[in-house]
PDB file of N, CA and C in Angstrom:
ATOM      1  N   ASN A   1      70.328  89.343  22.579  1.00  0.00           N
ATOM      2  CA  ASN A   1      69.565  88.345  21.765  1.00  0.00           C
ATOM      3  C   ASN A   1      69.306  87.114  22.416  1.00  0.00           C
ATOM      4  N   ASN A   2      70.385  86.336  22.907  1.00  0.00           N
ATOM      5  CA  ASN A   2      70.427  85.289  23.494  1.00  0.00           C
ATOM      6  C   ASN A   2      69.334  85.058  24.644  1.00  0.00           C
ATOM      7  N   ASP A   3      69.497  86.234  25.445  1.00  0.00           N
ATOM      8  CA  ASP A   3      68.515  86.236  26.625  1.00  0.00           C
ATOM      9  C   ASP A   3      67.062  86.062  26.247  1.00  0.00           C
ATOM     10  N   THR A   4      66.930  86.970  25.078  1.00  0.00           N
ATOM     11  CA  THR A   4      65.491  86.967  24.616  1.00  0.00           C
ATOM     12  C   THR A   4      64.934  85.622  24.038  1.00  0.00           C
ATOM     13  N   GLU A   5      65.897  84.896  23.578  1.00  0.00           N
ATOM     14  CA  GLU A   5      65.622  83.310  23.098  1.00  0.00           C
ATOM     15  C   GLU A   5      65.436  82.556  24.324  1.00  0.00           C
ATOM     16  N   ASP A   6      66.119  82.841  25.172  1.00  0.00           N
ATOM     17  CA  ASP A   6      66.011  81.846  26.634  1.00  0.00           C
ATOM     18  C   ASP A   6      64.734  82.166  27.207  1.00  0.00           C
ATOM     19  N   GLU A   7      64.369  83.394  27.333  1.00  0.00           N
ATOM     20  CA  GLU A   7      63.268  83.985  27.975  1.00  0.00           C
ATOM     21  C   GLU A   7      61.933  83.296  27.186  1.00  0.00           C
ATOM     22  N   GLU A   8      62.057  83.413  25.941  1.00  0.00           N
ATOM     23  CA  GLU A   8      60.919  82.967  25.135  1.00  0.00           C
ATOM     24  C   GLU A   8      60.824  81.538  25.258  1.00  0.00           C
ATOM     25  N   ARG A   9      61.744  80.719  25.277  1.00  0.00           N
ATOM     26  CA  ARG A   9      61.633  79.427  25.443  1.00  0.00           C
ATOM     27  C   ARG A   9      61.072  78.864  26.715  1.00  0.00           C
ATOM     28  N   LEU A  10      61.754  79.590  27.747  1.00  0.00           N
ATOM     29  CA  LEU A  10      60.843  79.451  29.240  1.00  0.00           C
ATOM     30  C   LEU A  10      59.594  79.672  29.248  1.00  0.00           C
ATOM     31  N   TRP A  11      59.193  80.861  28.546  1.00  0.00           N
ATOM     32  CA  TRP A  11      57.812  81.272  28.396  1.00  0.00           C
ATOM     33  C   TRP A  11      57.103  80.130  27.653  1.00  0.00           C
ATOM     34  N   ARG A  12      57.486  79.722  26.710  1.00  0.00           N
ATOM     35  CA  ARG A  12      56.868  78.602  25.847  1.00  0.00           C
ATOM     36  C   ARG A  12      56.593  77.324  26.683  1.00  0.00           C
ATOM     37  N   ASP A  13      57.694  77.023  27.317  1.00  0.00           N
ATOM     38  CA  ASP A  13      57.578  75.865  28.347  1.00  0.00           C
ATOM     39  C   ASP A  13      56.671  75.878  29.358  1.00  0.00           C
ATOM     40  N   LEU A  14      56.523  77.206  29.943  1.00  0.00           N
ATOM     41  CA  LEU A  14      55.560  77.270  31.027  1.00  0.00           C
ATOM     42  C   LEU A  14      54.071  77.174  30.420  1.00  0.00           C
ATOM     43  N   ILE A  15      53.968  77.855  29.350  1.00  0.00           N
ATOM     44  CA  ILE A  15      52.493  77.819  28.716  1.00  0.00           C
ATOM     45  C   ILE A  15      52.121  76.425  28.326  1.00  0.00           C
ATOM     46  N   MET A  16      53.111  75.581  27.686  1.00  0.00           N
ATOM     47  CA  MET A  16      52.865  74.349  27.303  1.00  0.00           C
ATOM     48  C   MET A  16      52.532  73.399  28.489  1.00  0.00           C
ATOM     49  N   GLU A  17      53.245  73.732  29.810  1.00  0.00           N
ATOM     50  CA  GLU A  17      53.060  72.750  31.035  1.00  0.00           C
ATOM     51  C   GLU A  17      51.553  73.072  31.352  1.00  0.00           C
ATOM     52  N   ARG A  18      51.123  74.393  31.431  1.00  0.00           N
ATOM     53  CA  ARG A  18      49.841  74.736  31.765  1.00  0.00           C
ATOM     54  C   ARG A  18      48.840  73.977  30.839  1.00  0.00           C
ATOM     55  N   VAL A  19      49.133  74.227  29.508  1.00  0.00           N
ATOM     56  CA  VAL A  19      48.055  73.472  28.586  1.00  0.00           C
ATOM     57  C   VAL A  19      47.858  71.924  28.702  1.00  0.00           C
ATOM     58  N   THR A  20      49.133  71.158  29.103  1.00  0.00           N
ATOM     59  CA  THR A  20      49.207  69.858  29.318  1.00  0.00           C
ATOM     60  C   THR A  20      48.593  69.493  30.624  1.00  0.00           C
ATOM     61  N   LYS A  21      48.506  70.359  31.783  1.00  0.00           N
ATOM     62  CA  LYS A  21      47.772  70.024  33.027  1.00  0.00           C
ATOM     63  C   LYS A  21      46.204  70.374  32.859  1.00  0.00           C
ATOM     64  N   SER A  22      45.965  71.345  32.054  1.00  0.00           N
ATOM     65  CA  SER A  22      44.425  71.553  31.572  1.00  0.00           C
ATOM     66  C   SER A  22      43.982  70.211  30.816  1.00  0.00           C
ATOM     67  N   ALA A  23      44.805  69.607  29.864  1.00  0.00           N
ATOM     68  CA  ALA A  23      44.291  68.532  29.243  1.00  0.00           C
ATOM     69  C   ALA A  23      44.112  67.401  30.159  1.00  0.00           C
ATOM     70  N   ASP A  24      45.130  67.121  31.151  1.00  0.00           N
ATOM     71  CA  ASP A  24      44.916  66.209  32.288  1.00  0.00           C
ATOM     72  C   ASP A  24      43.713  66.386  33.014  1.00  0.00           C
ATOM     73  N   ALA A  25      43.351  67.646  33.316  1.00  0.00           N
ATOM     74  CA  ALA A  25      42.130  67.883  34.114  1.00  0.00           C
ATOM     75  C   ALA A  25      40.862  67.575  33.403  1.00  0.00           C
ATOM     76  N   CYS A  26      40.879  67.932  32.069  1.00  0.00           N
ATOM     77  CA  CYS A  26      39.903  67.561  31.310  1.00  0.00           C
ATOM     78  C   CYS A  26      39.661  66.007  31.079  1.00  0.00           C
ATOM     79  N   LEU A  27      40.836  65.432  30.767  1.00  0.00           N
ATOM     80  CA  LEU A  27      40.701  63.898  30.798  1.00  0.00           C
ATOM     81  C   LEU A  27      40.208  63.234  32.177  1.00  0.00           C
ATOM     82  N   THR A  28      40.717  63.816  33.166  1.00  0.00           N
ATOM     83  CA  THR A  28      40.071  63.257  34.578  1.00  0.00           C
ATOM     84  C   THR A  28      38.555  63.368  34.739  1.00  0.00           C
ATOM     85  N   ALA A  29      38.131  64.778  34.318  1.00  0.00           N
ATOM     86  CA  ALA A  29      36.662  64.941  34.461  1.00  0.00           C
ATOM     87  C   ALA A  29      35.895  63.847  33.573  1.00  0.00           C
ATOM     88  N   ILE A  30      36.289  63.875  32.392  1.00  0.00           N
ATOM     89  CA  ILE A  30      35.451  62.955  31.371  1.00  0.00           C
ATOM     90  C   ILE A  30      35.723  61.767  31.634  1.00  0.00           C
ATOM     91  N   ASN A  31      36.814  61.126  32.311  1.00  0.00           N
ATOM     92  CA  ASN A  31      36.900  59.701  32.666  1.00  0.00           C
ATOM     93  C   ASN A  31      35.983  59.494  33.978  1.00  0.00           C
ATOM     94  N   ILE A  32      35.928  60.385  34.846  1.00  0.00           N
ATOM     95  CA  ILE A  32      34.883  60.231  35.931  1.00  0.00           C
ATOM     96  C   ILE A  32      33.542  60.152  35.291  1.00  0.00           C
ATOM     97  N   MET A  33      33.327  61.087  34.527  1.00  0.00           N
ATOM     98  CA  MET A  33      31.990  60.966  33.904  1.00  0.00           C
ATOM     99  C   MET A  33      31.589  59.762  33.269  1.00  0.00           C
ATOM    100  N   THR A  34      32.366  59.269  32.452  1.00  0.00           N
ATOM    101  CA  THR A  34      32.270  57.949  31.610  1.00  0.00           C
ATOM    102  C   THR A  34      32.505  56.635  32.447  1.00  0.00           C
ATOM    103  N   SER A  35      32.846  56.835  33.918  1.00  0.00           N
ATOM    104  CA  SER A  35      32.844  55.550  34.560  1.00  0.00           C
ATOM    105  C   SER A  35      31.495  54.811  34.774  1.00  0.00           C
ATOM    106  N   PRO A  36      31.591  53.593  35.010  1.00  0.00           N
ATOM    107  CA  PRO A  36      30.325  52.827  35.078  1.00  0.00           C
ATOM    108  C   PRO A  36      29.512  53.116  36.288  1.00  0.00           C
ATOM    109  N   ASN A  37      28.121  53.476  36.221  1.00  0.00           N
ATOM    110  CA  ASN A  37      27.115  53.359  37.375  1.00  0.00           C
ATOM    111  C   ASN A  37      27.392  54.961  38.104  1.00  0.00           C
ATOM    112  N   MET A  38      27.780  55.898  37.347  1.00  0.00           N
ATOM    113  CA  MET A  38      27.821  57.199  37.933  1.00  0.00           C
ATOM    114  C   MET A  38      26.436  57.892  38.141  1.00  0.00           C
ATOM    115  N   PRO A  39      26.171  58.659  39.412  1.00  0.00           N
ATOM    116  CA  PRO A  39      25.204  59.167  39.462  1.00  0.00           C
ATOM    117  C   PRO A  39      24.858  60.333  38.471  1.00  0.00           C
ATOM    118  N   LYS A  40      23.542  60.720  38.391  1.00  0.00           N
ATOM    119  CA  LYS A  40      23.369  62.001  37.486  1.00  0.00           C
ATOM    120  C   LYS A  40      23.964  63.265  37.902  1.00  0.00           C
ATOM    121  N   ALA A  41      24.308  63.411  39.258  1.00  0.00           N
ATOM    122  CA  ALA A  41      24.756  64.729  39.640  1.00  0.00           C
ATOM    123  C   ALA A  41      26.285  64.801  39.288  1.00  0.00           C
ATOM    124  N   VAL A  42      27.020  63.789  38.701  1.00  0.00           N
ATOM    125  CA  VAL A  42      28.386  63.957  38.204  1.00  0.00           C
ATOM    126  C   VAL A  42      28.296  64.629  36.798  1.00  0.00           C
ATOM    127  N   TYR A  43      27.184  64.423  36.033  1.00  0.00           N
ATOM    128  CA  TYR A  43      27.261  65.189  34.743  1.00  0.00           C
ATOM    129  C   TYR A  43      26.892  66.542  34.719  1.00  0.00           C
ATOM    130  N   ILE A  44      27.834  67.333  34.942  1.00  0.00           N
ATOM    131  CA  ILE A  44      27.727  68.890  35.048  1.00  0.00           C
ATOM    132  C   ILE A  44      27.962  69.308  33.712  1.00  0.00           C
ATOM    133  N   GLU A  45      26.897  70.050  33.195  1.00  0.00           N
ATOM    134  CA  GLU A  45      26.796  70.336  31.698  1.00  0.00           C
ATOM    135  C   GLU A  45      28.001  71.399  31.718  1.00  0.00           C
ATOM    136  N   ASP A  46      28.293  72.322  32.531  1.00  0.00           N
ATOM    137  CA  ASP A  46      29.259  73.365  32.689  1.00  0.00           C
ATOM    138  C   ASP A  46      30.514  72.892  32.231  1.00  0.00           C
ATOM    139  N   VAL A  47      30.873  71.574  33.058  1.00  0.00           N
ATOM    140  CA  VAL A  47      32.338  71.068  32.827  1.00  0.00           C
ATOM    141  C   VAL A  47      32.307  70.548  31.555  1.00  0.00           C
ATOM    142  N   ILE A  48      31.259  69.826  31.061  1.00  0.00           N
ATOM    143  CA  ILE A  48      31.190  69.205  29.805  1.00  0.00           C
ATOM    144  C   ILE A  48      31.468  70.251  28.624  1.00  0.00           C
ATOM    145  N   GLU A  49      30.639  71.191  28.829  1.00  0.00           N
ATOM    146  CA  GLU A  49      30.971  72.425  27.778  1.00  0.00           C
ATOM    147  C   GLU A  49      32.417  73.063  27.749  1.00  0.00           C
ATOM    148  N   ARG A  50      32.980  73.176  28.922  1.00  0.00           N
ATOM    149  CA  ARG A  50      34.472  73.523  28.981  1.00  0.00           C
ATOM    150  C   ARG A  50      35.321  72.706  28.508  1.00  0.00           C
ATOM    151  N   VAL A  51      35.117  71.458  28.577  1.00  0.00           N
ATOM    152  CA  VAL A  51      35.985  70.252  27.996  1.00  0.00           C
ATOM    153  C   VAL A  51      35.961  70.408  26.446  1.00  0.00           C
ATOM    154  N   ILE A  52      34.723  70.685  26.089  1.00  0.00           N
ATOM    155  CA  ILE A  52      34.661  70.790  24.560  1.00  0.00           C
ATOM    156  C   ILE A  52      35.320  71.990  23.995  1.00  0.00           C
ATOM    157  N   GLN A  53      34.959  73.119  24.755  1.00  0.00           N
ATOM    158  CA  GLN A  53      35.706  74.403  24.370  1.00  0.00           C
ATOM    159  C   GLN A  53      37.136  74.239  24.470  1.00  0.00           C
ATOM    160  N   TYR A  54      37.650  73.573  25.223  1.00  0.00           N
ATOM    161  CA  TYR A  54      39.284  73.442  25.424  1.00  0.00           C
ATOM    162  C   TYR A  54      39.541  72.557  24.171  1.00  0.00           C
ATOM    163  N   THR A  55      38.956  71.583  24.046  1.00  0.00           N
ATOM    164  CA  THR A  55      39.456  70.583  22.929  1.00  0.00           C
ATOM    165  C   THR A  55      39.352  71.289  21.584  1.00  0.00           C
ATOM    166  N   LYS A  56      38.185  72.105  21.315  1.00  0.00           N
ATOM    167  CA  LYS A  56      38.098  72.726  20.249  1.00  0.00           C
ATOM    168  C   LYS A  56      39.229  73.709  19.830  1.00  0.00           C
ATOM    169  N   PHE A  57      39.432  74.592  21.009  1.00  0.00           N
ATOM    170  CA  PHE A  57      40.529  75.710  20.873  1.00  0.00           C
ATOM    171  C   PHE A  57      41.750  75.105  20.538  1.00  0.00           C
ATOM    172  N   HIS A  58      42.115  73.947  21.155  1.00  0.00           N
ATOM    173  CA  HIS A  58      43.632  73.473  20.820  1.00  0.00           C
ATOM    174  C   HIS A  58      43.584  72.645  19.683  1.00  0.00           C
ATOM    175  N   LEU A  59      42.536  72.082  19.239  1.00  0.00           N
ATOM    176  CA  LEU A  59      42.676  71.388  17.929  1.00  0.00           C
ATOM    177  C   LEU A  59      42.854  72.394  16.763  1.00  0.00           C
ATOM    178  N   GLN A  60      42.207  73.624  16.881  1.00  0.00           N
ATOM    179  CA  GLN A  60      42.123  74.772  15.922  1.00  0.00           C
ATOM    180  C   GLN A  60      43.489  75.499  16.170  1.00  0.00           C
ATOM    181  N   ASN A  61      44.010  75.673  17.154  1.00  0.00           N
ATOM    182  CA  ASN A  61      45.080  76.633  17.428  1.00  0.00           C
ATOM    183  C   ASN A  61      46.388  76.108  17.582  1.00  0.00           C
ATOM    184  N   THR A  62      46.402  74.809  17.993  1.00  0.00           N
ATOM    185  CA  THR A  62      47.594  74.035  18.326  1.00  0.00           C
ATOM    186  C   THR A  62      47.943  73.052  17.447  1.00  0.00           C
ATOM    187  N   VAL A  63      47.032  72.083  17.645  1.00  0.00           N
ATOM    188  CA  VAL A  63      47.206  70.844  16.924  1.00  0.00           C
ATOM    189  C   VAL A  63      47.223  70.763  15.380  1.00  0.00           C
ATOM    190  N   TYR A  64      46.070  71.444  14.702  1.00  0.00           N
ATOM    191  CA  TYR A  64      46.126  71.590  13.275  1.00  0.00           C
ATOM    192  C   TYR A  64      47.142  72.336  12.583  1.00  0.00           C
ATOM    193  N   PRO A  65      47.660  73.349  13.371  1.00  0.00           N
ATOM    194  CA  PRO A  65      48.825  74.125  12.850  1.00  0.00           C
ATOM    195  C   PRO A  65      50.045  73.474  12.743  1.00  0.00           C
ATOM    196  N   GLN A  66      50.236  72.494  13.796  1.00  0.00           N
ATOM    197  CA  GLN A  66      51.492  71.844  13.818  1.00  0.00           C
ATOM    198  C   GLN A  66      51.399  70.757  12.752  1.00  0.00           C
ATOM    199  N   TYR A  67      50.242  70.115  12.314  1.00  0.00           N
ATOM    200  CA  TYR A  67      50.409  68.889  11.630  1.00  0.00           C
ATOM    201  C   TYR A  67      49.949  69.493   9.897  1.00  0.00           C
ATOM    202  N   ASP A  68      49.373  70.709   9.851  1.00  0.00           N
ATOM    203  CA  ASP A  68      49.127  71.113   8.504  1.00  0.00           C
ATOM    204  C   ASP A  68      49.415  72.606   8.401  1.00  0.00           C
ATOM    205  N   PRO A  69      50.243  72.984   7.705  1.00  0.00           N
ATOM    206  CA  PRO A  69      50.768  74.410   7.709  1.00  0.00           C
ATOM    207  C   PRO A  69      49.895  75.335   7.099  1.00  0.00           C
ATOM    208  N   VAL A  70      48.708  74.778   6.429  1.00  0.00           N
ATOM    209  CA  VAL A  70      47.637  75.657   5.875  1.00  0.00           C
ATOM    210  C   VAL A  70      46.937  76.452   7.149  1.00  0.00           C
ATOM    211  N   TYR A  71      46.805  75.851   8.228  1.00  0.00           N
ATOM    212  CA  TYR A  71      46.326  76.533   9.406  1.00  0.00           C
ATOM    213  C   TYR A  71      47.204  77.552  10.222  1.00  0.00           C
ATOM    214  N   ARG A  72      48.391  77.467   9.887  1.00  0.00           N
ATOM    215  CA  ARG A  72      49.560  78.426  10.488  1.00  0.00           C
ATOM    216  C   ARG A  72      49.213  80.047  10.063  1.00  0.00           C
ATOM    217  N   VAL A  73      49.477  80.764  11.092  1.00  0.00           N
ATOM    218  CA  VAL A  73      49.314  82.315  10.795  1.00  0.00           C
ATOM    219  C   VAL A  73      50.797  82.802  10.747  1.00  0.00           C
ATOM    220  N   ASP A  74      51.020  83.387   9.830  1.00  0.00           N
ATOM    221  CA  ASP A  74      52.453  84.040   9.618  1.00  0.00           C
ATOM    222  C   ASP A  74      52.561  85.239  10.789  1.00  0.00           C
ATOM    223  N   PRO A  75      53.289  84.986  11.824  1.00  0.00           N
ATOM    224  CA  PRO A  75      53.353  85.996  13.016  1.00  0.00           C
ATOM    225  C   PRO A  75      54.022  87.434  12.473  1.00  0.00           C
ATOM    226  N   HIS A  76      54.866  87.336  11.147  1.00  0.00           N
ATOM    227  CA  HIS A  76      55.344  88.694  10.762  1.00  0.00           C
ATOM    228  C   HIS A  76      54.551  89.358   9.753  1.00  0.00           C
ATOM    229  N   GLY A  77      53.218  88.578   9.417  1.00  0.00           N
ATOM    230  CA  GLY A  77      52.281  89.307   8.457  1.00  0.00           C
ATOM    231  C   GLY A  77      52.800  89.181   7.111  1.00  0.00           C
ATOM    232  N   GLY A  78      53.580  88.301   6.769  1.00  0.00           N
ATOM    233  CA  GLY A  78      53.992  88.136   5.373  1.00  0.00           C
ATOM    234  C   GLY A  78      53.024  87.971   4.216  1.00  0.00           C
ATOM    235  N   GLY A  79      53.505  87.747   2.998  1.00  0.00           N
ATOM    236  CA  GLY A  79      52.624  87.603   2.062  1.00  0.00           C
ATOM    237  C   GLY A  79      51.599  86.306   2.125  1.00  0.00           C
ATOM    238  N   VAL A  80      50.825  86.431   1.383  1.00  0.00           N
ATOM    239  CA  VAL A  80      49.818  85.300   1.310  1.00  0.00           C
ATOM    240  C   VAL A  80      50.374  84.173   0.333  1.00  0.00           C
ATOM    241  N   LEU A  81      50.531  83.021   0.972  1.00  0.00           N
ATOM    242  CA  LEU A  81      51.014  82.022   0.118  1.00  0.00           C
ATOM    243  C   LEU A  81      49.727  80.960   0.015  1.00  0.00           C
ATOM    244  N   SER A  82      49.833  80.185  -1.218  1.00  0.00           N
ATOM    245  CA  SER A  82      48.809  79.293  -1.331  1.00  0.00           C
ATOM    246  C   SER A  82      49.068  78.006  -0.317  1.00  0.00           C
ATOM    247  N   SER A  83      48.043  77.252  -0.192  1.00  0.00           N
ATOM    248  CA  SER A  83      48.129  76.013   0.670  1.00  0.00           C
ATOM    249  C   SER A  83      49.049  75.153   0.074  1.00  0.00           C
ATOM    250  N   LYS A  84      49.256  74.893  -1.059  1.00  0.00           N
ATOM    251  CA  LYS A  84      50.405  73.926  -1.811  1.00  0.00           C
ATOM    252  C   LYS A  84      51.621  74.572  -1.409  1.00  0.00           C
ATOM    253  N   ALA A  85      52.006  75.888  -1.410  1.00  0.00           N
ATOM    254  CA  ALA A  85      53.124  76.622  -1.190  1.00  0.00           C
ATOM    255  C   ALA A  85      53.473  76.274   0.377  1.00  0.00           C
ATOM    256  N   LYS A  86      52.445  76.575   1.184  1.00  0.00           N
ATOM    257  CA  LYS A  86      52.571  76.215   2.576  1.00  0.00           C
ATOM    258  C   LYS A  86      53.082  74.815   3.019  1.00  0.00           C
ATOM    259  N   ARG A  87      52.304  73.755   2.311  1.00  0.00           N
ATOM    260  CA  ARG A  87      52.694  72.750   2.546  1.00  0.00           C
ATOM    261  C   ARG A  87      53.987  72.126   2.104  1.00  0.00           C
ATOM    262  N   ALA A  88      54.536  72.873   1.037  1.00  0.00           N
ATOM    263  CA  ALA A  88      55.771  72.395   0.320  1.00  0.00           C
ATOM    264  C   ALA A  88      57.030  72.951   1.422  1.00  0.00           C
ATOM    265  N   LYS A  89      56.686  73.930   2.234  1.00  0.00           N
ATOM    266  CA  LYS A  89      57.846  74.532   3.008  1.00  0.00           C
ATOM    267  C   LYS A  89      57.827  73.969   4.538  1.00  0.00           C
ATOM    268  N   CYS A  90      56.797  73.042   4.702  1.00  0.00           N
ATOM    269  CA  CYS A  90      56.641  72.342   6.041  1.00  0.00           C
ATOM    270  C   CYS A  90      57.619  71.408   6.544  1.00  0.00           C
ATOM    271  N   SER A  91      58.014  71.522   7.636  1.00  0.00           N
ATOM    272  CA  SER A  91      58.956  70.262   8.083  1.00  0.00           C
ATOM    273  C   SER A  91      58.023  69.479   8.679  1.00  0.00           C
ATOM    274  N   THR A  92      58.605  68.132   8.584  1.00  0.00           N
ATOM    275  CA  THR A  92      57.815  67.014   9.477  1.00  0.00           C
ATOM    276  C   THR A  92      57.980  66.867  10.762  1.00  0.00           C
ATOM    277  N   HIS A  93      59.102  67.558  11.345  1.00  0.00           N
ATOM    278  CA  HIS A  93      59.512  67.423  12.645  1.00  0.00           C
ATOM    279  C   HIS A  93      58.181  67.900  13.466  1.00  0.00           C
ATOM    280  N   LYS A  94      57.836  67.067  14.414  1.00  0.00           N
ATOM    281  CA  LYS A  94      56.591  67.770  15.399  1.00  0.00           C
ATOM    282  C   LYS A  94      57.577  67.656  16.923  1.00  0.00           C
ATOM    283  N   GLN A  95      57.160  68.628  17.531  1.00  0.00           N
ATOM    284  CA  GLN A  95      57.405  68.744  18.925  1.00  0.00           C
ATOM    285  C   GLN A  95      56.959  67.769  19.853  1.00  0.00           C
ATOM    286  N   ARG A  96      57.582  67.261  20.822  1.00  0.00           N
ATOM    287  CA  ARG A  96      57.158  66.088  21.550  1.00  0.00           C
ATOM    288  C   ARG A  96      55.915  66.602  22.531  1.00  0.00           C
ATOM    289  N   VAL A  97      55.919  67.695  22.943  1.00  0.00           N
ATOM    290  CA  VAL A  97      54.763  68.302  23.603  1.00  0.00           C
ATOM    291  C   VAL A  97      53.468  68.396  22.794  1.00  0.00           C
ATOM    292  N   ILE A  98      53.708  68.671  21.593  1.00  0.00           N
ATOM    293  CA  ILE A  98      52.408  68.835  20.747  1.00  0.00           C
ATOM    294  C   ILE A  98      51.928  67.465  20.409  1.00  0.00           C
ATOM    295  N   VAL A  99      52.788  66.354  20.283  1.00  0.00           N
ATOM    296  CA  VAL A  99      52.431  65.107  20.018  1.00  0.00           C
ATOM    297  C   VAL A  99      51.629  64.621  21.329  1.00  0.00           C
ATOM    298  N   MET A 100      52.115  64.844  22.568  1.00  0.00           N
ATOM    299  CA  MET A 100      51.522  64.471  23.707  1.00  0.00           C
ATOM    300  C   MET A 100      50.285  65.056  24.053  1.00  0.00           C
ATOM    301  N   LEU A 101      49.995  66.323  23.662  1.00  0.00           N
ATOM    302  CA  LEU A 101      48.660  67.055  23.578  1.00  0.00           C
ATOM    303  C   LEU A 101      47.805  66.556  22.614  1.00  0.00           C
ATOM    304  N   TYR A 102      48.403  65.986  21.451  1.00  0.00           N
ATOM    305  CA  TYR A 102      47.452  65.265  20.466  1.00  0.00           C
ATOM    306  C   TYR A 102      46.836  64.006  20.890  1.00  0.00           C
ATOM    307  N   ASN A 103      47.741  63.328  21.574  1.00  0.00           N
ATOM    308  CA  ASN A 103      47.157  62.198  22.205  1.00  0.00           C
ATOM    309  C   ASN A 103      46.166  62.278  23.201  1.00  0.00           C
ATOM    310  N   LYS A 104      46.358  63.329  23.968  1.00  0.00           N
ATOM    311  CA  LYS A 104      45.554  63.624  24.845  1.00  0.00           C
ATOM    312  C   LYS A 104      44.060  64.069  24.480  1.00  0.00           C
ATOM    313  N   VAL A 105      44.173  64.913  23.655  1.00  0.00           N
ATOM    314  CA  VAL A 105      42.894  65.449  22.799  1.00  0.00           C
ATOM    315  C   VAL A 105      42.181  64.323  21.991  1.00  0.00           C
ATOM    316  N   CYS A 106      42.971  63.338  21.536  1.00  0.00           N
ATOM    317  CA  CYS A 106      42.347  62.083  20.846  1.00  0.00           C
ATOM    318  C   CYS A 106      41.538  61.399  22.175  1.00  0.00           C
ATOM    319  N   ASP A 107      42.233  61.354  23.374  1.00  0.00           N
ATOM    320  CA  ASP A 107      41.496  60.390  24.418  1.00  0.00           C
ATOM    321  C   ASP A 107      40.317  61.215  24.857  1.00  0.00           C
ATOM    322  N   ILE A 108      40.381  62.697  24.986  1.00  0.00           N
ATOM    323  CA  ILE A 108      39.253  63.440  25.255  1.00  0.00           C
ATOM    324  C   ILE A 108      38.044  63.246  24.191  1.00  0.00           C
ATOM    325  N   VAL A 109      38.519  63.193  23.034  1.00  0.00           N
ATOM    326  CA  VAL A 109      37.446  63.095  21.842  1.00  0.00           C
ATOM    327  C   VAL A 109      36.667  61.610  21.875  1.00  0.00           C
ATOM    328  N   SER A 110      37.694  60.663  22.383  1.00  0.00           N
ATOM    329  CA  SER A 110      37.054  59.375  22.324  1.00  0.00           C
ATOM    330  C   SER A 110      35.982  59.263  23.644  1.00  0.00           C
ATOM    331  N   SER A 111      36.546  59.788  24.667  1.00  0.00           N
ATOM    332  CA  SER A 111      35.641  59.794  25.916  1.00  0.00           C
ATOM    333  C   SER A 111      34.445  60.529  25.732  1.00  0.00           C
ATOM    334  N   LEU A 112      34.422  61.784  25.154  1.00  0.00           N
ATOM    335  CA  LEU A 112      33.160  62.486  24.745  1.00  0.00           C
ATOM    336  C   LEU A 112      32.375  61.575  23.801  1.00  0.00           C
ATOM    337  N   SER A 113      32.765  60.820  22.968  1.00  0.00           N
ATOM    338  CA  SER A 113      31.856  59.881  22.273  1.00  0.00           C
ATOM    339  C   SER A 113      30.978  59.008  23.137  1.00  0.00           C
ATOM    340  N   GLU A 114      31.782  58.405  24.264  1.00  0.00           N
ATOM    341  CA  GLU A 114      31.359  57.448  25.170  1.00  0.00           C
ATOM    342  C   GLU A 114      30.427  58.310  26.004  1.00  0.00           C
ATOM    343  N   LEU A 115      30.604  59.579  26.335  1.00  0.00           N
ATOM    344  CA  LEU A 115      29.765  60.327  27.082  1.00  0.00           C
ATOM    345  C   LEU A 115      28.252  60.397  26.435  1.00  0.00           C
ATOM    346  N   LEU A 116      28.525  60.677  25.178  1.00  0.00           N
ATOM    347  CA  LEU A 116      27.032  60.912  24.129  1.00  0.00           C
ATOM    348  C   LEU A 116      26.274  59.778  24.433  1.00  0.00           C
ATOM    349  N   GLU A 117      26.863  58.397  24.551  1.00  0.00           N
ATOM    350  CA  GLU A 117      26.163  57.404  24.775  1.00  0.00           C
ATOM    351  C   GLU A 117      25.505  56.980  26.125  1.00  0.00           C
ATOM    352  N   ILE A 118      26.057  57.727  26.908  1.00  0.00           N
ATOM    353  CA  ILE A 118      25.772  57.598  28.484  1.00  0.00           C
ATOM    354  C   ILE A 118      24.782  58.467  28.726  1.00  0.00           C
ATOM    355  N   GLN A 119      24.732  59.698  28.573  1.00  0.00           N
ATOM    356  CA  GLN A 119      24.285  60.728  29.217  1.00  0.00           C
ATOM    357  C   GLN A 119      23.529  61.690  28.020  1.00  0.00           C
ATOM    358  N   LEU A 120      22.215  62.213  28.123  1.00  0.00           N
ATOM    359  CA  LEU A 120      21.616  63.068  27.227  1.00  0.00           C
ATOM    360  C   LEU A 120      22.188  64.434  27.421  1.00  0.00           C
ATOM    361  N   LEU A 121      22.567  65.107  26.476  1.00  0.00           N
ATOM    362  CA  LEU A 121      23.074  66.392  26.472  1.00  0.00           C
ATOM    363  C   LEU A 121      22.091  67.339  25.577  1.00  0.00           C
ATOM    364  N   THR A 122      22.365  68.619  25.824  1.00  0.00           N
ATOM    365  CA  THR A 122      21.526  69.630  25.197  1.00  0.00           C
ATOM    366  C   THR A 122      22.015  69.749  23.701  1.00  0.00           C
ATOM    367  N   ASP A 123      21.039  70.197  22.787  1.00  0.00           N
ATOM    368  CA  ASP A 123      21.253  70.236  21.288  1.00  0.00           C
ATOM    369  C   ASP A 123      22.671  71.126  21.177  1.00  0.00           C
ATOM    370  N   THR A 124      22.834  72.355  21.959  1.00  0.00           N
ATOM    371  CA  THR A 124      23.861  73.184  21.707  1.00  0.00           C
ATOM    372  C   THR A 124      25.220  72.355  22.005  1.00  0.00           C
ATOM    373  N   THR A 125      25.103  71.499  23.095  1.00  0.00           N
ATOM    374  CA  THR A 125      26.287  70.870  23.490  1.00  0.00           C
ATOM    375  C   THR A 125      26.722  69.899  22.384  1.00  0.00           C
ATOM    376  N   ILE A 126      25.662  69.053  21.814  1.00  0.00           N
ATOM    377  CA  ILE A 126      25.658  68.106  20.932  1.00  0.00           C
ATOM    378  C   ILE A 126      26.473  68.838  19.435  1.00  0.00           C
ATOM    379  N   LEU A 127      25.897  69.944  19.195  1.00  0.00           N
ATOM    380  CA  LEU A 127      26.504  70.804  18.145  1.00  0.00           C
ATOM    381  C   LEU A 127      27.858  71.037  18.379  1.00  0.00           C
ATOM    382  N   GLN A 128      28.272  71.430  19.445  1.00  0.00           N
ATOM    383  CA  GLN A 128      29.660  71.873  19.738  1.00  0.00           C
ATOM    384  C   GLN A 128      30.514  70.632  19.542  1.00  0.00           C
ATOM    385  N   VAL A 129      30.120  69.292  19.938  1.00  0.00           N
ATOM    386  CA  VAL A 129      30.902  68.183  19.839  1.00  0.00           C
ATOM    387  C   VAL A 129      31.078  67.939  18.495  1.00  0.00           C
TER     388      VAL A 129
END
């Protein structure tokens, strides 16, 4: 049982390391695009859409569940609890990695708002933002 817990912790650490590196890559791409006097060739729509997808995914599946227990899914398939009951059982302790991811996602969202002022984007991209 102890080996299983260690393996699970290592697996979680590996996943969070990859998520953090992905957030850094998104931030790097957006920071380049929002730099002054960038040529039009820098604004690659596919990169922008992937940054938006990454941000939405981690907001919905990582950040929101950590900060609001209503978004959490019971891995054991337990009974349905009301939102008030879920919030009552919630601990206020946040993992350091999740807080770091939250800060990076905030930076990405802020940079996306700057990008919207700099570059014209398609309607579907605007709706995703």
